[in-house]
Amino acid sequence: MDTLSLPATLADLRVLPLQAADIPALQAFYAANPLYFEATGGEPAQPAAAEADFHARPPPDMPYRQRWLLALCDEHGQWQAVVEVLAGLLLPQAWHIALFMVDARHHGQGLAAQLYNALEAWALARGAYWLRLGVVMGHSRAERFWLRQGFVEVTQRHAVQMGRRSNSLRVMLKPLRSSVAAYLQQVPRDRPQA
């Protein structure tokens, strides 16, 4: 399986491509990190959240080539982060970060930026021209993080149900090998709304 390679600075972490047997561990990671779910859905992760996320796929009008759901584990097998990435979403060279969740114990220590840099290098080496994601408006920690990584807002989506909350999302893009304009020319759904 083509999976994320980590740089030497993160060599103490290993990448675990998640299987169905890992759903309980994913749910435990969610339960240990309620801040993400409270910020995005207004409540802790529901008991079936990991099961739903493991099986979730984009809607049929959003084709993609490959999906990875990965845990990043330390030498003791403790999960430090969970990442979901879709290659070829909407365009063959567009990659989408669907989930990027670092254990709250590491917030503010630089691990998220290091993991993101590894993810970007991995996607770039596999032909990505753009990285795309959605961030909940008002989740200021996440908004600031993605802006620092070089993402720019291309449009907004409103009334997106997440947990008990209806959110507005900032759809953000980072050009790696091509321009934002070239992406938007090919993906009308992500053009700024009039």
N, C-alpha and C. Protein backbone atom coordinates (compact mmCIF):
# COMPACT_ATOMS: atom_id res chain seq x y z
N MET A 1 0.85 -1.20 0.00
CA MET A 1 0.00 0.00 0.00
C MET A 1 0.89 1.24 0.00
N ASP A 2 0.53 2.19 -0.82
CA ASP A 2 1.24 3.46 -0.87
C ASP A 2 0.84 4.27 0.35
N THR A 3 1.75 4.46 1.27
CA THR A 3 1.38 5.16 2.50
C THR A 3 2.38 6.26 2.82
N LEU A 4 2.00 7.11 3.71
CA LEU A 4 2.76 8.30 4.07
C LEU A 4 4.15 7.95 4.58
N SER A 5 5.16 8.61 4.04
CA SER A 5 6.53 8.49 4.52
C SER A 5 6.83 9.68 5.41
N LEU A 6 7.46 9.43 6.53
CA LEU A 6 7.76 10.51 7.46
C LEU A 6 9.24 10.89 7.38
N PRO A 7 9.54 12.17 7.53
CA PRO A 7 10.94 12.60 7.50
C PRO A 7 11.67 12.14 8.76
N ALA A 8 12.99 12.26 8.73
CA ALA A 8 13.82 11.80 9.85
C ALA A 8 13.41 12.45 11.17
N THR A 9 12.93 13.70 11.12
CA THR A 9 12.54 14.38 12.36
C THR A 9 11.33 13.73 13.01
N LEU A 10 10.59 12.92 12.25
CA LEU A 10 9.43 12.22 12.79
C LEU A 10 9.62 10.71 12.74
N ALA A 11 10.87 10.28 12.66
CA ALA A 11 11.15 8.86 12.48
C ALA A 11 10.66 8.02 13.65
N ASP A 12 10.41 8.63 14.80
CA ASP A 12 9.92 7.85 15.94
C ASP A 12 8.42 7.56 15.83
N LEU A 13 7.75 8.12 14.83
CA LEU A 13 6.34 7.83 14.60
C LEU A 13 6.22 6.84 13.45
N ARG A 14 5.26 5.94 13.56
CA ARG A 14 5.01 5.04 12.44
C ARG A 14 3.60 5.28 11.93
N VAL A 15 3.39 4.98 10.67
CA VAL A 15 2.11 5.20 10.01
C VAL A 15 1.35 3.88 10.00
N LEU A 16 0.12 3.92 10.49
CA LEU A 16 -0.73 2.74 10.53
C LEU A 16 -1.95 2.98 9.64
N PRO A 17 -2.01 2.35 8.46
CA PRO A 17 -3.23 2.45 7.64
C PRO A 17 -4.35 1.70 8.37
N LEU A 18 -5.44 2.37 8.64
CA LEU A 18 -6.48 1.78 9.48
C LEU A 18 -7.30 0.74 8.73
N GLN A 19 -7.61 -0.32 9.46
CA GLN A 19 -8.45 -1.41 9.00
C GLN A 19 -9.70 -1.44 9.88
N ALA A 20 -10.68 -2.24 9.50
CA ALA A 20 -11.91 -2.32 10.28
C ALA A 20 -11.64 -2.69 11.74
N ALA A 21 -10.63 -3.51 11.98
CA ALA A 21 -10.30 -3.92 13.35
C ALA A 21 -9.81 -2.75 14.20
N ASP A 22 -9.43 -1.64 13.57
CA ASP A 22 -8.93 -0.47 14.30
C ASP A 22 -10.03 0.51 14.70
N ILE A 23 -11.27 0.23 14.33
CA ILE A 23 -12.36 1.16 14.64
C ILE A 23 -12.47 1.43 16.15
N PRO A 24 -12.38 0.43 17.03
CA PRO A 24 -12.44 0.73 18.47
C PRO A 24 -11.30 1.67 18.93
N ALA A 25 -10.11 1.48 18.39
CA ALA A 25 -8.99 2.36 18.76
C ALA A 25 -9.23 3.77 18.23
N LEU A 26 -9.81 3.89 17.04
CA LEU A 26 -10.15 5.21 16.50
C LEU A 26 -11.19 5.88 17.39
N GLN A 27 -12.18 5.14 17.81
CA GLN A 27 -13.20 5.70 18.70
C GLN A 27 -12.58 6.14 20.03
N ALA A 28 -11.64 5.37 20.55
CA ALA A 28 -10.96 5.75 21.80
C ALA A 28 -10.14 7.02 21.61
N PHE A 29 -9.51 7.16 20.44
CA PHE A 29 -8.76 8.40 20.15
C PHE A 29 -9.71 9.59 20.10
N TYR A 30 -10.86 9.41 19.46
CA TYR A 30 -11.86 10.46 19.42
C TYR A 30 -12.31 10.84 20.83
N ALA A 31 -12.57 9.85 21.67
CA ALA A 31 -13.04 10.11 23.04
C ALA A 31 -11.99 10.84 23.85
N ALA A 32 -10.72 10.55 23.59
CA ALA A 32 -9.63 11.19 24.34
C ALA A 32 -9.35 12.60 23.84
N ASN A 33 -9.94 12.98 22.71
CA ASN A 33 -9.70 14.30 22.12
C ASN A 33 -11.02 14.97 21.76
N PRO A 34 -11.79 15.34 22.78
CA PRO A 34 -13.12 15.89 22.50
C PRO A 34 -13.11 17.31 21.94
N LEU A 35 -12.01 18.05 22.07
CA LEU A 35 -12.00 19.45 21.63
C LEU A 35 -12.36 19.60 20.16
N TYR A 36 -11.85 18.71 19.31
CA TYR A 36 -12.14 18.79 17.88
C TYR A 36 -13.64 18.69 17.64
N PHE A 37 -14.27 17.71 18.27
CA PHE A 37 -15.69 17.47 18.04
C PHE A 37 -16.55 18.56 18.67
N GLU A 38 -16.12 19.08 19.80
CA GLU A 38 -16.87 20.18 20.42
C GLU A 38 -16.78 21.44 19.57
N ALA A 39 -15.61 21.68 18.96
CA ALA A 39 -15.44 22.87 18.12
C ALA A 39 -16.19 22.75 16.80
N THR A 40 -16.30 21.54 16.27
CA THR A 40 -16.93 21.37 14.96
C THR A 40 -18.40 20.96 15.05
N GLY A 41 -18.74 20.15 16.03
CA GLY A 41 -20.10 19.64 16.13
C GLY A 41 -20.87 20.04 17.36
N GLY A 42 -20.21 20.76 18.28
CA GLY A 42 -20.90 21.22 19.48
C GLY A 42 -21.11 20.15 20.53
N GLU A 43 -20.45 19.00 20.37
CA GLU A 43 -20.60 17.91 21.33
C GLU A 43 -19.43 16.95 21.16
N PRO A 44 -19.16 16.12 22.19
CA PRO A 44 -18.11 15.10 22.02
C PRO A 44 -18.49 14.13 20.90
N ALA A 45 -17.52 13.37 20.45
CA ALA A 45 -17.78 12.36 19.42
C ALA A 45 -18.84 11.39 19.89
N GLN A 46 -19.77 11.10 19.03
CA GLN A 46 -20.82 10.13 19.34
C GLN A 46 -20.25 8.71 19.33
N PRO A 47 -20.91 7.76 19.99
CA PRO A 47 -20.36 6.40 20.10
C PRO A 47 -20.07 5.70 18.78
N ALA A 48 -20.77 6.06 17.73
CA ALA A 48 -20.55 5.41 16.43
C ALA A 48 -19.75 6.29 15.46
N ALA A 49 -19.10 7.33 15.95
CA ALA A 49 -18.40 8.27 15.07
C ALA A 49 -17.27 7.59 14.30
N ALA A 50 -16.49 6.77 14.97
CA ALA A 50 -15.36 6.12 14.29
C ALA A 50 -15.84 5.16 13.21
N GLU A 51 -16.87 4.42 13.51
CA GLU A 51 -17.45 3.49 12.53
C GLU A 51 -17.92 4.27 11.30
N ALA A 52 -18.63 5.37 11.54
CA ALA A 52 -19.13 6.18 10.42
C ALA A 52 -17.98 6.76 9.62
N ASP A 53 -16.96 7.28 10.29
CA ASP A 53 -15.82 7.87 9.58
C ASP A 53 -15.04 6.82 8.79
N PHE A 54 -14.90 5.63 9.36
CA PHE A 54 -14.16 4.57 8.66
C PHE A 54 -14.82 4.24 7.32
N HIS A 55 -16.14 4.23 7.30
CA HIS A 55 -16.87 3.84 6.10
C HIS A 55 -17.29 5.02 5.22
N ALA A 56 -17.09 6.25 5.68
CA ALA A 56 -17.54 7.43 4.93
C ALA A 56 -16.77 7.57 3.62
N ARG A 57 -17.49 8.02 2.61
CA ARG A 57 -16.90 8.33 1.31
C ARG A 57 -17.55 9.61 0.79
N PRO A 58 -16.87 10.32 -0.09
CA PRO A 58 -17.50 11.51 -0.68
C PRO A 58 -18.75 11.13 -1.46
N PRO A 59 -19.65 12.10 -1.65
CA PRO A 59 -20.85 11.81 -2.45
C PRO A 59 -20.47 11.47 -3.90
N PRO A 60 -21.37 10.83 -4.63
CA PRO A 60 -21.08 10.40 -6.00
C PRO A 60 -20.66 11.53 -6.94
N ASP A 61 -21.09 12.76 -6.68
CA ASP A 61 -20.73 13.86 -7.57
C ASP A 61 -19.34 14.43 -7.24
N MET A 62 -18.61 13.78 -6.33
CA MET A 62 -17.25 14.18 -5.98
C MET A 62 -16.32 12.97 -6.16
N PRO A 63 -15.98 12.64 -7.41
CA PRO A 63 -15.14 11.46 -7.64
C PRO A 63 -13.74 11.63 -7.04
N TYR A 64 -13.15 10.50 -6.68
CA TYR A 64 -11.79 10.49 -6.15
C TYR A 64 -11.11 9.20 -6.59
N ARG A 65 -9.78 9.16 -6.49
CA ARG A 65 -9.02 8.01 -6.94
C ARG A 65 -8.68 7.06 -5.79
N GLN A 66 -8.24 7.60 -4.65
CA GLN A 66 -7.81 6.75 -3.55
C GLN A 66 -8.02 7.47 -2.23
N ARG A 67 -8.27 6.68 -1.19
CA ARG A 67 -8.50 7.23 0.14
C ARG A 67 -7.60 6.52 1.14
N TRP A 68 -7.00 7.29 2.04
CA TRP A 68 -6.22 6.75 3.13
C TRP A 68 -6.78 7.29 4.45
N LEU A 69 -6.97 6.41 5.42
CA LEU A 69 -7.27 6.79 6.79
C LEU A 69 -6.13 6.24 7.61
N LEU A 70 -5.33 7.14 8.20
CA LEU A 70 -4.07 6.77 8.82
C LEU A 70 -3.99 7.22 10.27
N ALA A 71 -3.39 6.39 11.11
CA ALA A 71 -3.03 6.80 12.46
C ALA A 71 -1.52 6.94 12.51
N LEU A 72 -1.04 7.94 13.24
CA LEU A 72 0.38 8.12 13.47
C LEU A 72 0.64 7.72 14.91
N CYS A 73 1.49 6.71 15.09
CA CYS A 73 1.70 6.10 16.41
C CYS A 73 3.14 6.27 16.87
N ASP A 74 3.32 6.41 18.19
CA ASP A 74 4.68 6.47 18.74
C ASP A 74 5.22 5.06 18.93
N GLU A 75 6.44 4.97 19.49
CA GLU A 75 7.09 3.67 19.63
C GLU A 75 6.37 2.72 20.59
N HIS A 76 5.46 3.27 21.40
CA HIS A 76 4.68 2.45 22.33
C HIS A 76 3.31 2.09 21.77
N GLY A 77 3.04 2.49 20.52
CA GLY A 77 1.77 2.21 19.90
C GLY A 77 0.68 3.22 20.25
N GLN A 78 1.04 4.30 20.95
CA GLN A 78 0.06 5.33 21.30
C GLN A 78 -0.18 6.23 20.10
N TRP A 79 -1.46 6.44 19.79
CA TRP A 79 -1.82 7.27 18.65
C TRP A 79 -1.54 8.73 18.96
N GLN A 80 -0.87 9.41 18.04
CA GLN A 80 -0.54 10.83 18.18
C GLN A 80 -1.38 11.71 17.25
N ALA A 81 -1.88 11.11 16.18
CA ALA A 81 -2.67 11.87 15.20
C ALA A 81 -3.43 10.90 14.31
N VAL A 82 -4.48 11.42 13.70
CA VAL A 82 -5.26 10.69 12.70
C VAL A 82 -5.44 11.61 11.50
N VAL A 83 -5.21 11.06 10.32
CA VAL A 83 -5.29 11.83 9.08
C VAL A 83 -6.10 11.04 8.06
N GLU A 84 -7.00 11.73 7.37
CA GLU A 84 -7.70 11.13 6.24
C GLU A 84 -7.40 11.98 5.01
N VAL A 85 -6.96 11.33 3.95
CA VAL A 85 -6.56 12.03 2.72
C VAL A 85 -7.21 11.33 1.54
N LEU A 86 -7.69 12.15 0.61
CA LEU A 86 -8.26 11.64 -0.64
C LEU A 86 -7.42 12.15 -1.80
N ALA A 87 -6.93 11.24 -2.62
CA ALA A 87 -6.18 11.62 -3.82
C ALA A 87 -7.14 11.69 -5.00
N GLY A 88 -6.94 12.68 -5.84
CA GLY A 88 -7.75 12.80 -7.06
C GLY A 88 -9.19 13.21 -6.80
N LEU A 89 -9.43 14.01 -5.78
CA LEU A 89 -10.79 14.47 -5.52
C LEU A 89 -11.13 15.62 -6.47
N LEU A 90 -12.15 15.45 -7.26
CA LEU A 90 -12.66 16.42 -8.23
C LEU A 90 -11.77 16.57 -9.46
N LEU A 91 -10.46 16.50 -9.26
CA LEU A 91 -9.48 16.53 -10.36
C LEU A 91 -8.41 15.49 -10.06
N PRO A 92 -7.80 14.89 -11.06
CA PRO A 92 -6.78 13.88 -10.79
C PRO A 92 -5.62 14.39 -9.93
N GLN A 93 -5.27 15.66 -10.07
CA GLN A 93 -4.12 16.20 -9.33
C GLN A 93 -4.50 16.94 -8.05
N ALA A 94 -5.76 16.92 -7.68
CA ALA A 94 -6.21 17.61 -6.45
C ALA A 94 -6.33 16.59 -5.33
N TRP A 95 -5.70 16.88 -4.22
CA TRP A 95 -5.78 16.02 -3.04
C TRP A 95 -6.55 16.77 -1.96
N HIS A 96 -7.31 16.04 -1.18
CA HIS A 96 -8.17 16.65 -0.15
C HIS A 96 -7.81 16.08 1.21
N ILE A 97 -7.59 16.96 2.17
CA ILE A 97 -7.37 16.56 3.56
C ILE A 97 -8.73 16.59 4.24
N ALA A 98 -9.30 15.41 4.45
CA ALA A 98 -10.64 15.31 5.01
C ALA A 98 -10.63 15.35 6.54
N LEU A 99 -9.55 14.88 7.15
CA LEU A 99 -9.42 14.90 8.60
C LEU A 99 -7.95 15.06 8.94
N PHE A 100 -7.66 15.93 9.89
CA PHE A 100 -6.29 16.16 10.35
C PHE A 100 -6.41 16.47 11.83
N MET A 101 -6.21 15.47 12.66
CA MET A 101 -6.49 15.60 14.09
C MET A 101 -5.27 15.13 14.88
N VAL A 102 -4.66 16.06 15.59
CA VAL A 102 -3.49 15.76 16.42
C VAL A 102 -3.95 15.67 17.87
N ASP A 103 -3.42 14.69 18.58
CA ASP A 103 -3.74 14.51 20.00
C ASP A 103 -3.55 15.85 20.73
N ALA A 104 -4.54 16.23 21.51
CA ALA A 104 -4.53 17.54 22.20
C ALA A 104 -3.31 17.71 23.10
N ARG A 105 -2.72 16.63 23.56
CA ARG A 105 -1.52 16.73 24.41
C ARG A 105 -0.35 17.36 23.66
N HIS A 106 -0.42 17.36 22.33
CA HIS A 106 0.68 17.90 21.51
C HIS A 106 0.36 19.26 20.92
N HIS A 107 -0.80 19.81 21.22
CA HIS A 107 -1.14 21.13 20.67
C HIS A 107 -0.10 22.16 21.13
N GLY A 108 0.30 23.00 20.19
CA GLY A 108 1.25 24.06 20.50
C GLY A 108 2.70 23.62 20.56
N GLN A 109 2.98 22.36 20.20
CA GLN A 109 4.36 21.85 20.27
C GLN A 109 5.01 21.69 18.90
N GLY A 110 4.29 22.00 17.84
CA GLY A 110 4.86 21.93 16.50
C GLY A 110 4.64 20.61 15.78
N LEU A 111 4.05 19.61 16.44
CA LEU A 111 3.84 18.33 15.79
C LEU A 111 2.90 18.45 14.59
N ALA A 112 1.83 19.24 14.73
CA ALA A 112 0.87 19.38 13.63
C ALA A 112 1.56 19.93 12.38
N ALA A 113 2.38 20.95 12.53
CA ALA A 113 3.08 21.52 11.37
C ALA A 113 4.04 20.52 10.76
N GLN A 114 4.74 19.76 11.59
CA GLN A 114 5.66 18.74 11.07
C GLN A 114 4.89 17.66 10.30
N LEU A 115 3.77 17.23 10.86
CA LEU A 115 2.96 16.22 10.17
C LEU A 115 2.40 16.77 8.86
N TYR A 116 1.93 18.02 8.91
CA TYR A 116 1.41 18.60 7.67
C TYR A 116 2.51 18.67 6.61
N ASN A 117 3.71 19.10 6.99
CA ASN A 117 4.81 19.20 6.02
C ASN A 117 5.12 17.84 5.40
N ALA A 118 5.08 16.78 6.23
CA ALA A 118 5.31 15.43 5.71
C ALA A 118 4.19 15.03 4.75
N LEU A 119 2.96 15.37 5.11
CA LEU A 119 1.82 15.06 4.26
C LEU A 119 1.92 15.79 2.92
N GLU A 120 2.28 17.06 2.97
CA GLU A 120 2.42 17.83 1.73
C GLU A 120 3.51 17.25 0.84
N ALA A 121 4.65 16.90 1.42
CA ALA A 121 5.75 16.33 0.63
C ALA A 121 5.33 15.00 0.01
N TRP A 122 4.59 14.21 0.77
CA TRP A 122 4.10 12.91 0.29
C TRP A 122 3.16 13.11 -0.90
N ALA A 123 2.22 14.02 -0.77
CA ALA A 123 1.26 14.29 -1.85
C ALA A 123 1.99 14.85 -3.08
N LEU A 124 2.91 15.75 -2.86
CA LEU A 124 3.66 16.36 -3.96
C LEU A 124 4.46 15.30 -4.72
N ALA A 125 5.09 14.39 -4.00
CA ALA A 125 5.88 13.33 -4.63
C ALA A 125 5.00 12.38 -5.43
N ARG A 126 3.70 12.34 -5.15
CA ARG A 126 2.78 11.45 -5.85
C ARG A 126 1.92 12.19 -6.86
N GLY A 127 2.34 13.41 -7.22
CA GLY A 127 1.71 14.10 -8.34
C GLY A 127 0.67 15.14 -8.00
N ALA A 128 0.51 15.49 -6.72
CA ALA A 128 -0.49 16.49 -6.36
C ALA A 128 -0.10 17.87 -6.90
N TYR A 129 -1.08 18.56 -7.46
CA TYR A 129 -0.91 19.95 -7.89
C TYR A 129 -1.49 20.91 -6.86
N TRP A 130 -2.52 20.43 -6.14
CA TRP A 130 -3.19 21.26 -5.16
C TRP A 130 -3.56 20.41 -3.94
N LEU A 131 -3.60 21.04 -2.78
CA LEU A 131 -4.19 20.45 -1.59
C LEU A 131 -5.41 21.27 -1.22
N ARG A 132 -6.47 20.60 -0.83
CA ARG A 132 -7.77 21.23 -0.55
C ARG A 132 -8.26 20.72 0.78
N LEU A 133 -9.05 21.53 1.48
CA LEU A 133 -9.68 21.11 2.73
C LEU A 133 -10.82 22.06 3.07
N GLY A 134 -11.59 21.68 4.06
CA GLY A 134 -12.63 22.56 4.61
C GLY A 134 -12.37 22.76 6.09
N VAL A 135 -12.51 23.98 6.55
CA VAL A 135 -12.33 24.27 7.98
C VAL A 135 -13.56 25.01 8.48
N VAL A 136 -14.00 24.64 9.67
CA VAL A 136 -15.19 25.26 10.25
C VAL A 136 -14.89 26.71 10.60
N MET A 137 -15.73 27.62 10.09
CA MET A 137 -15.57 29.04 10.41
C MET A 137 -15.86 29.23 11.90
N GLY A 138 -14.99 29.96 12.55
CA GLY A 138 -15.12 30.17 13.99
C GLY A 138 -14.25 29.23 14.80
N HIS A 139 -13.72 28.19 14.18
CA HIS A 139 -12.76 27.29 14.86
C HIS A 139 -11.39 27.94 14.65
N SER A 140 -11.14 28.98 15.42
CA SER A 140 -10.02 29.88 15.16
C SER A 140 -8.67 29.19 15.19
N ARG A 141 -8.48 28.23 16.08
CA ARG A 141 -7.19 27.52 16.13
C ARG A 141 -6.92 26.84 14.78
N ALA A 142 -7.92 26.15 14.24
CA ALA A 142 -7.75 25.46 12.95
C ALA A 142 -7.60 26.47 11.81
N GLU A 143 -8.40 27.52 11.83
CA GLU A 143 -8.30 28.52 10.76
C GLU A 143 -6.89 29.12 10.72
N ARG A 144 -6.36 29.48 11.88
CA ARG A 144 -5.01 30.06 11.93
C ARG A 144 -3.96 29.06 11.46
N PHE A 145 -4.11 27.81 11.88
CA PHE A 145 -3.14 26.79 11.48
C PHE A 145 -3.07 26.66 9.96
N TRP A 146 -4.23 26.53 9.32
CA TRP A 146 -4.22 26.31 7.87
C TRP A 146 -3.74 27.54 7.11
N LEU A 147 -4.05 28.73 7.61
CA LEU A 147 -3.51 29.94 6.97
C LEU A 147 -1.99 29.96 7.08
N ARG A 148 -1.43 29.56 8.23
CA ARG A 148 0.03 29.51 8.40
C ARG A 148 0.67 28.49 7.47
N GLN A 149 -0.06 27.47 7.08
CA GLN A 149 0.49 26.46 6.17
C GLN A 149 0.41 26.89 4.71
N GLY A 150 -0.17 28.07 4.46
CA GLY A 150 -0.21 28.59 3.10
C GLY A 150 -1.51 28.37 2.34
N PHE A 151 -2.55 27.92 3.03
CA PHE A 151 -3.85 27.73 2.39
C PHE A 151 -4.57 29.07 2.28
N VAL A 152 -5.38 29.20 1.22
CA VAL A 152 -6.20 30.39 1.02
C VAL A 152 -7.65 29.96 0.83
N GLU A 153 -8.55 30.79 1.27
CA GLU A 153 -9.97 30.50 1.08
C GLU A 153 -10.35 30.71 -0.37
N VAL A 154 -11.09 29.74 -0.93
CA VAL A 154 -11.60 29.91 -2.29
C VAL A 154 -13.10 30.11 -2.30
N THR A 155 -13.82 29.53 -1.35
CA THR A 155 -15.26 29.72 -1.25
C THR A 155 -15.71 29.33 0.15
N GLN A 156 -17.00 29.45 0.38
CA GLN A 156 -17.60 29.04 1.65
C GLN A 156 -18.81 28.16 1.37
N ARG A 157 -19.04 27.24 2.27
CA ARG A 157 -20.24 26.40 2.25
C ARG A 157 -20.98 26.69 3.54
N HIS A 158 -22.29 26.82 3.44
CA HIS A 158 -23.09 27.14 4.62
C HIS A 158 -24.09 26.03 4.90
N ALA A 159 -24.55 26.00 6.13
CA ALA A 159 -25.55 25.02 6.59
C ALA A 159 -25.05 23.59 6.41
N VAL A 160 -23.81 23.35 6.81
CA VAL A 160 -23.23 22.01 6.77
C VAL A 160 -23.43 21.40 8.16
N GLN A 161 -24.22 20.34 8.22
CA GLN A 161 -24.55 19.72 9.51
C GLN A 161 -23.38 18.87 10.00
N MET A 162 -22.93 19.16 11.21
CA MET A 162 -21.86 18.40 11.86
C MET A 162 -22.28 18.22 13.31
N GLY A 163 -22.58 16.99 13.69
CA GLY A 163 -23.09 16.78 15.04
C GLY A 163 -24.40 17.52 15.22
N ARG A 164 -24.52 18.25 16.32
CA ARG A 164 -25.76 19.00 16.54
C ARG A 164 -25.68 20.43 16.00
N ARG A 165 -24.59 20.77 15.34
CA ARG A 165 -24.38 22.14 14.87
C ARG A 165 -24.44 22.22 13.36
N SER A 166 -25.01 23.32 12.88
CA SER A 166 -24.97 23.65 11.46
C SER A 166 -23.85 24.67 11.28
N ASN A 167 -22.84 24.33 10.49
CA ASN A 167 -21.64 25.15 10.36
C ASN A 167 -21.53 25.79 8.99
N SER A 168 -20.73 26.83 8.97
CA SER A 168 -20.22 27.38 7.72
C SER A 168 -18.78 26.93 7.61
N LEU A 169 -18.40 26.50 6.41
CA LEU A 169 -17.04 26.01 6.17
C LEU A 169 -16.31 26.95 5.22
N ARG A 170 -15.05 27.13 5.48
CA ARG A 170 -14.16 27.80 4.55
C ARG A 170 -13.52 26.70 3.72
N VAL A 171 -13.77 26.67 2.43
CA VAL A 171 -13.08 25.74 1.55
C VAL A 171 -11.75 26.41 1.21
N MET A 172 -10.66 25.71 1.53
CA MET A 172 -9.33 26.30 1.38
C MET A 172 -8.49 25.45 0.44
N LEU A 173 -7.56 26.11 -0.22
CA LEU A 173 -6.73 25.48 -1.23
C LEU A 173 -5.29 25.95 -1.07
N LYS A 174 -4.37 25.02 -1.31
CA LYS A 174 -2.96 25.40 -1.38
C LYS A 174 -2.41 24.91 -2.71
N PRO A 175 -1.97 25.84 -3.55
CA PRO A 175 -1.37 25.43 -4.82
C PRO A 175 0.05 24.90 -4.58
N LEU A 176 0.34 23.74 -5.17
CA LEU A 176 1.67 23.15 -5.04
C LEU A 176 2.45 23.25 -6.34
N ARG A 177 1.79 22.91 -7.47
CA ARG A 177 2.45 22.93 -8.78
C ARG A 177 1.70 23.79 -9.78
N SER A 178 0.53 24.27 -9.42
CA SER A 178 -0.27 25.06 -10.33
C SER A 178 -0.97 26.14 -9.52
N SER A 179 -1.66 27.03 -10.18
CA SER A 179 -2.25 28.19 -9.51
C SER A 179 -3.65 27.92 -8.99
N VAL A 180 -4.09 28.76 -8.08
CA VAL A 180 -5.47 28.73 -7.61
C VAL A 180 -6.41 28.97 -8.79
N ALA A 181 -6.06 29.92 -9.65
CA ALA A 181 -6.91 30.24 -10.80
C ALA A 181 -7.09 29.02 -11.71
N ALA A 182 -6.02 28.26 -11.93
CA ALA A 182 -6.11 27.08 -12.79
C ALA A 182 -7.03 26.03 -12.16
N TYR A 183 -6.97 25.89 -10.85
CA TYR A 183 -7.85 24.95 -10.15
C TYR A 183 -9.31 25.39 -10.30
N LEU A 184 -9.57 26.66 -10.01
CA LEU A 184 -10.94 27.16 -10.04
C LEU A 184 -11.54 27.11 -11.45
N GLN A 185 -10.70 27.25 -12.45
CA GLN A 185 -11.19 27.16 -13.83
C GLN A 185 -11.76 25.76 -14.10
N GLN A 186 -11.20 24.75 -13.44
CA GLN A 186 -11.62 23.37 -13.67
C GLN A 186 -12.63 22.85 -12.65
N VAL A 187 -12.79 23.55 -11.54
CA VAL A 187 -13.70 23.09 -10.47
C VAL A 187 -14.69 24.21 -10.13
N PRO A 188 -15.75 24.35 -10.91
CA PRO A 188 -16.72 25.42 -10.68
C PRO A 188 -17.32 25.40 -9.29
N ARG A 189 -17.51 24.22 -8.67
CA ARG A 189 -18.15 24.17 -7.35
C ARG A 189 -17.34 24.89 -6.27
N ASP A 190 -16.04 25.09 -6.50
CA ASP A 190 -15.19 25.76 -5.50
C ASP A 190 -14.92 27.22 -5.84
N ARG A 191 -15.57 27.73 -6.87
CA ARG A 191 -15.38 29.15 -7.18
C ARG A 191 -16.08 30.00 -6.14
N PRO A 192 -15.56 31.20 -5.86
CA PRO A 192 -16.23 32.08 -4.90
C PRO A 192 -17.68 32.31 -5.30
N GLN A 193 -18.56 32.27 -4.31
CA GLN A 193 -19.98 32.47 -4.57
C GLN A 193 -20.25 33.94 -4.84
N ALA A 194 -21.17 34.19 -5.77
CA ALA A 194 -21.51 35.59 -6.13
C ALA A 194 -22.25 36.23 -4.98
